Amino acid sequence: MTFEEVAVPWMPERKAKVPRLVEDQPKTEQEAALRHGHPMPRYLHVASNHTNRWGHQRSYRLQVVSFAGDHLPESEPEERAMSWARYKVAITKHKDSEQTSSSLFNQNDIWSPAVDFSKFIADNESIVNEDLVAWITAGFLHIPHAEDIPNTVTIGNGGGVILRPHNYFDEDPSINSPDGVFFEPGTENSCEYNKMACLKEDLCAASLDPFTYHGFGGQE
């Protein structure tokens, strides 16, 4: 998002700054590695060469809800074992040899980790017209306080990422959902109106004999 200066239509002698959405397409892994401490794009989406009927590229938007806390400085030797945490989002070319961003065995030797995520980006391969992987670091910092007793409050404490279609469809796909069903008192057990009432008849489950084991009987 940038700001550009435009003339005010009703006062030509005046000018005002207005926001303008600018599209930028990273072409390599290092360009698509978004580090902590740097601003995130307003919209971050992974697009294909296919377009919808409106002429827009079909894509998925990565909407990061929250970010992890401060990362260990890269000057520390043990940082290599957790180098994935340098980035808010990183997009890399898919490789069968790059299955996970870390390893359980990293804890055994954090100074020479089994998996060093920074190497996934160091080769700086092209991500144009490739199968891609999005590595996302999401989380939050929780400092315990008295109101956590007996249960930690969940409101306001959360993190994650939302994968949303962005121009992927031609229109809102929910318009094709079935219409609502109206129930009247006494019809809730009717298979005509409530299909869930007929699950026993519709299930394709085997009829098993009662289970017993050394004198212990099971319930049907």
C-alpha atoms as a PDB file:
ATOM      1  CA  MET A   1       0.000   0.000   0.000  1.00  0.00           C
ATOM      2  CA  THR A   2       1.366   3.389  -1.033  1.00  0.00           C
ATOM      3  CA  PHE A   3       0.067   6.939  -0.976  1.00  0.00           C
ATOM      4  CA  GLU A   4      -0.147   9.098  -4.059  1.00  0.00           C
ATOM      5  CA  GLU A   5      -0.990  12.743  -4.450  1.00  0.00           C
ATOM      6  CA  VAL A   6      -4.097  13.554  -6.464  1.00  0.00           C
ATOM      7  CA  ALA A   7      -5.982  16.746  -7.217  1.00  0.00           C
ATOM      8  CA  VAL A   8      -9.209  17.329  -5.291  1.00  0.00           C
ATOM      9  CA  PRO A   9     -11.990  17.454  -7.941  1.00  0.00           C
ATOM     10  CA  TRP A  10     -14.027  20.184  -6.241  1.00  0.00           C
ATOM     11  CA  MET A  11     -10.937  22.236  -5.329  1.00  0.00           C
ATOM     12  CA  PRO A  12      -8.414  21.940  -8.191  1.00  0.00           C
ATOM     13  CA  GLU A  13      -5.903  24.130  -6.368  1.00  0.00           C
ATOM     14  CA  ARG A  14      -5.744  21.582  -3.523  1.00  0.00           C
ATOM     15  CA  LYS A  15      -4.159  18.137  -3.473  1.00  0.00           C
ATOM     16  CA  ALA A  16      -4.597  15.197  -1.128  1.00  0.00           C
ATOM     17  CA  LYS A  17      -2.817  11.927  -0.408  1.00  0.00           C
ATOM     18  CA  VAL A  18      -4.915   8.817  -1.095  1.00  0.00           C
ATOM     19  CA  PRO A  19      -3.987   5.137  -0.564  1.00  0.00           C
ATOM     20  CA  ARG A  20      -3.204   3.071  -3.614  1.00  0.00           C
ATOM     21  CA  LEU A  21      -2.907  -0.704  -3.741  1.00  0.00           C
ATOM     22  CA  VAL A  22       0.279  -1.749  -5.532  1.00  0.00           C
ATOM     23  CA  GLU A  23       0.816  -5.309  -6.750  1.00  0.00           C
ATOM     24  CA  ASP A  24       4.249  -6.852  -6.405  1.00  0.00           C
ATOM     25  CA  GLN A  25       5.114 -10.401  -7.464  1.00  0.00           C
ATOM     26  CA  PRO A  26       8.184 -11.974  -5.838  1.00  0.00           C
ATOM     27  CA  LYS A  27       9.992 -14.274  -8.208  1.00  0.00           C
ATOM     28  CA  THR A  28      12.499 -16.031  -5.947  1.00  0.00           C
ATOM     29  CA  GLU A  29      12.461 -17.684  -2.546  1.00  0.00           C
ATOM     30  CA  GLN A  30      14.462 -14.926  -0.892  1.00  0.00           C
ATOM     31  CA  GLU A  31      12.130 -12.263  -2.246  1.00  0.00           C
ATOM     32  CA  ALA A  32       9.160 -14.221  -0.849  1.00  0.00           C
ATOM     33  CA  ALA A  33      10.675 -14.682   2.621  1.00  0.00           C
ATOM     34  CA  LEU A  34       9.020 -12.111   4.894  1.00  0.00           C
ATOM     35  CA  ARG A  35      11.062 -11.607   8.030  1.00  0.00           C
ATOM     36  CA  HIS A  36       9.981 -10.587  11.499  1.00  0.00           C
ATOM     37  CA  GLY A  37      10.420  -6.904  12.115  1.00  0.00           C
ATOM     38  CA  HIS A  38       9.463  -6.021   8.547  1.00  0.00           C
ATOM     39  CA  PRO A  39       6.029  -4.854   7.389  1.00  0.00           C
ATOM     40  CA  MET A  40       3.663  -7.426   5.923  1.00  0.00           C
ATOM     41  CA  PRO A  41       1.830  -6.889   2.623  1.00  0.00           C
ATOM     42  CA  ARG A  42      -1.787  -5.813   3.024  1.00  0.00           C
ATOM     43  CA  TYR A  43      -2.847  -8.764   0.863  1.00  0.00           C
ATOM     44  CA  LEU A  44      -0.739 -11.866   0.474  1.00  0.00           C
ATOM     45  CA  HIS A  45      -1.948 -14.442  -1.994  1.00  0.00           C
ATOM     46  CA  VAL A  46      -0.583 -17.310  -4.062  1.00  0.00           C
ATOM     47  CA  ALA A  47      -1.899 -17.072  -7.615  1.00  0.00           C
ATOM     48  CA  SER A  48      -2.046 -19.367 -10.618  1.00  0.00           C
ATOM     49  CA  ASN A  49      -1.996 -18.569 -14.321  1.00  0.00           C
ATOM     50  CA  HIS A  50      -5.664 -19.515 -14.628  1.00  0.00           C
ATOM     51  CA  THR A  51      -8.276 -16.791 -14.437  1.00  0.00           C
ATOM     52  CA  ASN A  52     -11.904 -16.665 -13.387  1.00  0.00           C
ATOM     53  CA  ARG A  53     -14.640 -15.355 -15.650  1.00  0.00           C
ATOM     54  CA  TRP A  54     -13.853 -11.798 -14.516  1.00  0.00           C
ATOM     55  CA  GLY A  55     -10.293 -12.071 -15.813  1.00  0.00           C
ATOM     56  CA  HIS A  56      -8.632 -12.189 -12.374  1.00  0.00           C
ATOM     57  CA  GLN A  57      -6.027 -14.782 -11.468  1.00  0.00           C
ATOM     58  CA  ARG A  58      -7.385 -17.619  -9.377  1.00  0.00           C
ATOM     59  CA  SER A  59      -5.547 -17.592  -6.084  1.00  0.00           C
ATOM     60  CA  TYR A  60      -5.625 -18.256  -2.366  1.00  0.00           C
ATOM     61  CA  ARG A  61      -5.066 -15.538   0.200  1.00  0.00           C
ATOM     62  CA  LEU A  62      -2.909 -16.158   3.265  1.00  0.00           C
ATOM     63  CA  GLN A  63      -4.394 -14.162   6.121  1.00  0.00           C
ATOM     64  CA  VAL A  64      -2.127 -14.445   9.165  1.00  0.00           C
ATOM     65  CA  VAL A  65      -4.117 -13.770  12.326  1.00  0.00           C
ATOM     66  CA  SER A  66      -1.203 -13.318  14.721  1.00  0.00           C
ATOM     67  CA  PHE A  67       2.557 -13.523  14.822  1.00  0.00           C
ATOM     68  CA  ALA A  68       5.004 -15.102  17.231  1.00  0.00           C
ATOM     69  CA  GLY A  69       7.115 -13.052  19.617  1.00  0.00           C
ATOM     70  CA  ASP A  70      10.659 -11.784  19.211  1.00  0.00           C
ATOM     71  CA  HIS A  71      13.105 -14.216  17.684  1.00  0.00           C
ATOM     72  CA  LEU A  72      16.501 -15.237  19.003  1.00  0.00           C
ATOM     73  CA  PRO A  73      19.233 -13.127  17.333  1.00  0.00           C
ATOM     74  CA  GLU A  74      20.800 -14.859  14.345  1.00  0.00           C
ATOM     75  CA  SER A  75      24.249 -14.202  15.833  1.00  0.00           C
ATOM     76  CA  GLU A  76      23.554 -16.846  18.482  1.00  0.00           C
ATOM     77  CA  PRO A  77      24.922 -20.270  17.440  1.00  0.00           C
ATOM     78  CA  GLU A  78      21.839 -22.187  18.641  1.00  0.00           C
ATOM     79  CA  GLU A  79      19.554 -20.051  16.462  1.00  0.00           C
ATOM     80  CA  ARG A  80      20.109 -22.368  13.492  1.00  0.00           C
ATOM     81  CA  ALA A  81      17.955 -25.019  15.154  1.00  0.00           C
ATOM     82  CA  MET A  82      14.979 -22.677  15.038  1.00  0.00           C
ATOM     83  CA  SER A  83      15.748 -20.611  11.933  1.00  0.00           C
ATOM     84  CA  TRP A  84      12.152 -21.085  10.731  1.00  0.00           C
ATOM     85  CA  ALA A  85      11.152 -18.490  13.339  1.00  0.00           C
ATOM     86  CA  ARG A  86      13.012 -15.760  11.456  1.00  0.00           C
ATOM     87  CA  TYR A  87      10.103 -15.455   9.073  1.00  0.00           C
ATOM     88  CA  LYS A  88       6.456 -14.508   9.353  1.00  0.00           C
ATOM     89  CA  VAL A  89       5.803 -16.133   5.981  1.00  0.00           C
ATOM     90  CA  ALA A  90       8.140 -17.871   3.559  1.00  0.00           C
ATOM     91  CA  ILE A  91       7.229 -19.269   0.140  1.00  0.00           C
ATOM     92  CA  THR A  92       9.488 -21.953  -1.283  1.00  0.00           C
ATOM     93  CA  LYS A  93       9.544 -24.309  -4.212  1.00  0.00           C
ATOM     94  CA  HIS A  94       8.184 -27.724  -3.269  1.00  0.00           C
ATOM     95  CA  LYS A  95      10.813 -30.400  -2.771  1.00  0.00           C
ATOM     96  CA  ASP A  96      10.401 -33.925  -1.480  1.00  0.00           C
ATOM     97  CA  SER A  97      13.560 -33.406   0.576  1.00  0.00           C
ATOM     98  CA  GLU A  98      12.072 -30.379   2.372  1.00  0.00           C
ATOM     99  CA  GLN A  99       9.181 -31.930   4.258  1.00  0.00           C
ATOM    100  CA  THR A 100       9.385 -30.120   7.615  1.00  0.00           C
ATOM    101  CA  SER A 101      10.796 -26.835   8.890  1.00  0.00           C
ATOM    102  CA  SER A 102      12.389 -28.482  11.909  1.00  0.00           C
ATOM    103  CA  SER A 103      13.078 -31.901  13.385  1.00  0.00           C
ATOM    104  CA  LEU A 104      12.643 -33.668  16.691  1.00  0.00           C
ATOM    105  CA  PHE A 105      16.359 -34.406  16.539  1.00  0.00           C
ATOM    106  CA  ASN A 106      17.274 -30.714  16.474  1.00  0.00           C
ATOM    107  CA  GLN A 107      17.089 -30.704  20.261  1.00  0.00           C
ATOM    108  CA  ASN A 108      19.875 -33.271  20.458  1.00  0.00           C
ATOM    109  CA  ASP A 109      22.401 -30.923  18.842  1.00  0.00           C
ATOM    110  CA  ILE A 110      21.037 -27.410  18.423  1.00  0.00           C
ATOM    111  CA  TRP A 111      24.408 -26.145  17.199  1.00  0.00           C
ATOM    112  CA  SER A 112      24.398 -28.559  14.261  1.00  0.00           C
ATOM    113  CA  PRO A 113      20.682 -29.203  13.657  1.00  0.00           C
ATOM    114  CA  ALA A 114      19.359 -32.063  11.560  1.00  0.00           C
ATOM    115  CA  VAL A 115      17.100 -29.600   9.719  1.00  0.00           C
ATOM    116  CA  ASP A 116      18.134 -25.993   9.139  1.00  0.00           C
ATOM    117  CA  PHE A 117      15.191 -24.176   7.572  1.00  0.00           C
ATOM    118  CA  SER A 118      17.314 -21.236   6.433  1.00  0.00           C
ATOM    119  CA  LYS A 119      18.926 -23.527   3.850  1.00  0.00           C
ATOM    120  CA  PHE A 120      15.540 -23.951   2.167  1.00  0.00           C
ATOM    121  CA  ILE A 121      15.735 -20.268   1.234  1.00  0.00           C
ATOM    122  CA  ALA A 122      19.485 -19.856   0.818  1.00  0.00           C
ATOM    123  CA  ASP A 123      19.497 -21.534  -2.619  1.00  0.00           C
ATOM    124  CA  ASN A 124      17.067 -18.799  -3.775  1.00  0.00           C
ATOM    125  CA  GLU A 125      15.260 -20.845  -6.400  1.00  0.00           C
ATOM    126  CA  SER A 126      12.590 -19.444  -8.680  1.00  0.00           C
ATOM    127  CA  ILE A 127       8.991 -19.753  -7.482  1.00  0.00           C
ATOM    128  CA  VAL A 128       7.383 -18.784 -10.786  1.00  0.00           C
ATOM    129  CA  ASN A 129       5.181 -21.512 -12.294  1.00  0.00           C
ATOM    130  CA  GLU A 130       6.248 -24.009  -9.633  1.00  0.00           C
ATOM    131  CA  ASP A 131       4.506 -26.104  -7.008  1.00  0.00           C
ATOM    132  CA  LEU A 132       4.850 -23.990  -3.874  1.00  0.00           C
ATOM    133  CA  VAL A 133       4.867 -24.430  -0.116  1.00  0.00           C
ATOM    134  CA  ALA A 134       3.849 -21.659   2.288  1.00  0.00           C
ATOM    135  CA  TRP A 135       5.675 -21.771   5.638  1.00  0.00           C
ATOM    136  CA  ILE A 136       3.815 -19.635   8.179  1.00  0.00           C
ATOM    137  CA  THR A 137       4.842 -18.779  11.734  1.00  0.00           C
ATOM    138  CA  ALA A 138       1.853 -17.877  13.881  1.00  0.00           C
ATOM    139  CA  GLY A 139       1.496 -17.583  17.625  1.00  0.00           C
ATOM    140  CA  PHE A 140       1.129 -15.238  20.549  1.00  0.00           C
ATOM    141  CA  LEU A 141       2.858 -14.407  23.804  1.00  0.00           C
ATOM    142  CA  HIS A 142       0.881 -15.224  26.939  1.00  0.00           C
ATOM    143  CA  ILE A 143       2.047 -13.950  30.318  1.00  0.00           C
ATOM    144  CA  PRO A 144       0.273 -15.832  33.140  1.00  0.00           C
ATOM    145  CA  HIS A 145      -1.879 -13.679  35.415  1.00  0.00           C
ATOM    146  CA  ALA A 146      -4.394 -14.160  38.230  1.00  0.00           C
ATOM    147  CA  GLU A 147      -7.374 -14.374  35.887  1.00  0.00           C
ATOM    148  CA  ASP A 148      -5.920 -17.567  34.413  1.00  0.00           C
ATOM    149  CA  ILE A 149      -7.085 -19.391  37.542  1.00  0.00           C
ATOM    150  CA  PRO A 150      -8.776 -21.864  37.231  1.00  0.00           C
ATOM    151  CA  ASN A 151      -8.957 -21.618  33.434  1.00  0.00           C
ATOM    152  CA  THR A 152      -7.015 -19.484  30.994  1.00  0.00           C
ATOM    153  CA  VAL A 153      -9.253 -17.041  29.169  1.00  0.00           C
ATOM    154  CA  THR A 154      -9.429 -17.858  25.473  1.00  0.00           C
ATOM    155  CA  ILE A 155     -10.893 -14.541  24.303  1.00  0.00           C
ATOM    156  CA  GLY A 156      -8.093 -12.419  22.922  1.00  0.00           C
ATOM    157  CA  ASN A 157      -5.609 -15.275  23.186  1.00  0.00           C
ATOM    158  CA  GLY A 158      -5.240 -17.043  19.908  1.00  0.00           C
ATOM    159  CA  GLY A 159      -3.252 -17.336  16.757  1.00  0.00           C
ATOM    160  CA  GLY A 160      -3.325 -18.933  13.390  1.00  0.00           C
ATOM    161  CA  VAL A 161      -3.750 -18.384   9.689  1.00  0.00           C
ATOM    162  CA  ILE A 162      -6.785 -18.376   7.427  1.00  0.00           C
ATOM    163  CA  LEU A 163      -6.532 -19.815   3.915  1.00  0.00           C
ATOM    164  CA  ARG A 164      -9.157 -17.991   1.866  1.00  0.00           C
ATOM    165  CA  PRO A 165     -10.065 -18.251  -1.820  1.00  0.00           C
ATOM    166  CA  HIS A 166      -9.228 -14.989  -3.582  1.00  0.00           C
ATOM    167  CA  ASN A 167     -10.832 -14.679  -7.023  1.00  0.00           C
ATOM    168  CA  TYR A 168     -10.704 -18.467  -7.080  1.00  0.00           C
ATOM    169  CA  PHE A 169     -14.421 -18.758  -7.847  1.00  0.00           C
ATOM    170  CA  ASP A 170     -16.583 -16.816 -10.235  1.00  0.00           C
ATOM    171  CA  GLU A 171     -18.963 -15.878  -7.421  1.00  0.00           C
ATOM    172  CA  ASP A 172     -19.788 -16.711  -3.825  1.00  0.00           C
ATOM    173  CA  PRO A 173     -19.948 -20.547  -3.805  1.00  0.00           C
ATOM    174  CA  SER A 174     -22.344 -20.555  -0.842  1.00  0.00           C
ATOM    175  CA  ILE A 175     -25.203 -19.435  -3.098  1.00  0.00           C
ATOM    176  CA  ASN A 176     -25.361 -23.034  -4.302  1.00  0.00           C
ATOM    177  CA  SER A 177     -25.981 -24.319  -0.782  1.00  0.00           C
ATOM    178  CA  PRO A 178     -29.380 -25.975  -0.194  1.00  0.00           C
ATOM    179  CA  ASP A 179     -32.184 -23.775   1.016  1.00  0.00           C
ATOM    180  CA  GLY A 180     -33.274 -23.863   4.648  1.00  0.00           C
ATOM    181  CA  VAL A 181     -35.663 -26.521   5.911  1.00  0.00           C
ATOM    182  CA  PHE A 182     -38.677 -25.575   8.025  1.00  0.00           C
ATOM    183  CA  PHE A 183     -39.602 -27.859  10.908  1.00  0.00           C
ATOM    184  CA  GLU A 184     -42.988 -27.934  12.588  1.00  0.00           C
ATOM    185  CA  PRO A 185     -43.622 -29.442  16.047  1.00  0.00           C
ATOM    186  CA  GLY A 186     -43.943 -33.197  15.685  1.00  0.00           C
ATOM    187  CA  THR A 187     -42.028 -33.441  12.388  1.00  0.00           C
ATOM    188  CA  GLU A 188     -38.529 -33.581  13.856  1.00  0.00           C
ATOM    189  CA  ASN A 189     -38.555 -37.389  13.655  1.00  0.00           C
ATOM    190  CA  SER A 190     -39.965 -37.459  10.139  1.00  0.00           C
ATOM    191  CA  CYS A 191     -37.609 -38.738   7.475  1.00  0.00           C
ATOM    192  CA  GLU A 192     -39.348 -36.527   4.931  1.00  0.00           C
ATOM    193  CA  TYR A 193     -38.194 -33.319   6.595  1.00  0.00           C
ATOM    194  CA  ASN A 194     -35.256 -34.369   8.742  1.00  0.00           C
ATOM    195  CA  LYS A 195     -32.822 -36.695   7.001  1.00  0.00           C
ATOM    196  CA  MET A 196     -30.778 -37.006  10.203  1.00  0.00           C
ATOM    197  CA  ALA A 197     -33.709 -38.884  11.765  1.00  0.00           C
ATOM    198  CA  CYS A 198     -33.182 -41.745   9.315  1.00  0.00           C
ATOM    199  CA  LEU A 199     -29.484 -42.395   9.827  1.00  0.00           C
ATOM    200  CA  LYS A 200     -30.088 -45.888  11.200  1.00  0.00           C
ATOM    201  CA  GLU A 201     -31.858 -46.873   8.004  1.00  0.00           C
ATOM    202  CA  ASP A 202     -29.295 -45.221   5.748  1.00  0.00           C
ATOM    203  CA  LEU A 203     -26.090 -46.417   7.418  1.00  0.00           C
ATOM    204  CA  CYS A 204     -24.144 -49.164   5.674  1.00  0.00           C
ATOM    205  CA  ALA A 205     -22.748 -50.694   8.868  1.00  0.00           C
ATOM    206  CA  ALA A 206     -22.253 -54.372   9.541  1.00  0.00           C
ATOM    207  CA  SER A 207     -24.534 -56.084  12.062  1.00  0.00           C
ATOM    208  CA  LEU A 208     -22.185 -57.528  14.707  1.00  0.00           C
ATOM    209  CA  ASP A 209     -22.871 -60.123  17.374  1.00  0.00           C
ATOM    210  CA  PRO A 210     -22.682 -59.025  21.027  1.00  0.00           C
ATOM    211  CA  PHE A 211     -19.064 -58.877  22.177  1.00  0.00           C
ATOM    212  CA  THR A 212     -17.814 -60.922  25.137  1.00  0.00           C
ATOM    213  CA  TYR A 213     -14.319 -61.436  26.479  1.00  0.00           C
ATOM    214  CA  HIS A 214     -13.546 -63.812  29.344  1.00  0.00           C
ATOM    215  CA  GLY A 215     -16.877 -63.271  31.005  1.00  0.00           C
ATOM    216  CA  PHE A 216     -17.082 -59.532  30.325  1.00  0.00           C
ATOM    217  CA  GLY A 217     -20.034 -58.661  28.157  1.00  0.00           C
ATOM    218  CA  GLY A 218     -20.135 -55.688  25.809  1.00  0.00           C
ATOM    219  CA  GLN A 219     -23.134 -53.559  25.013  1.00  0.00           C
ATOM    220  CA  GLU A 220     -24.667 -53.588  21.599  1.00  0.00           C
END
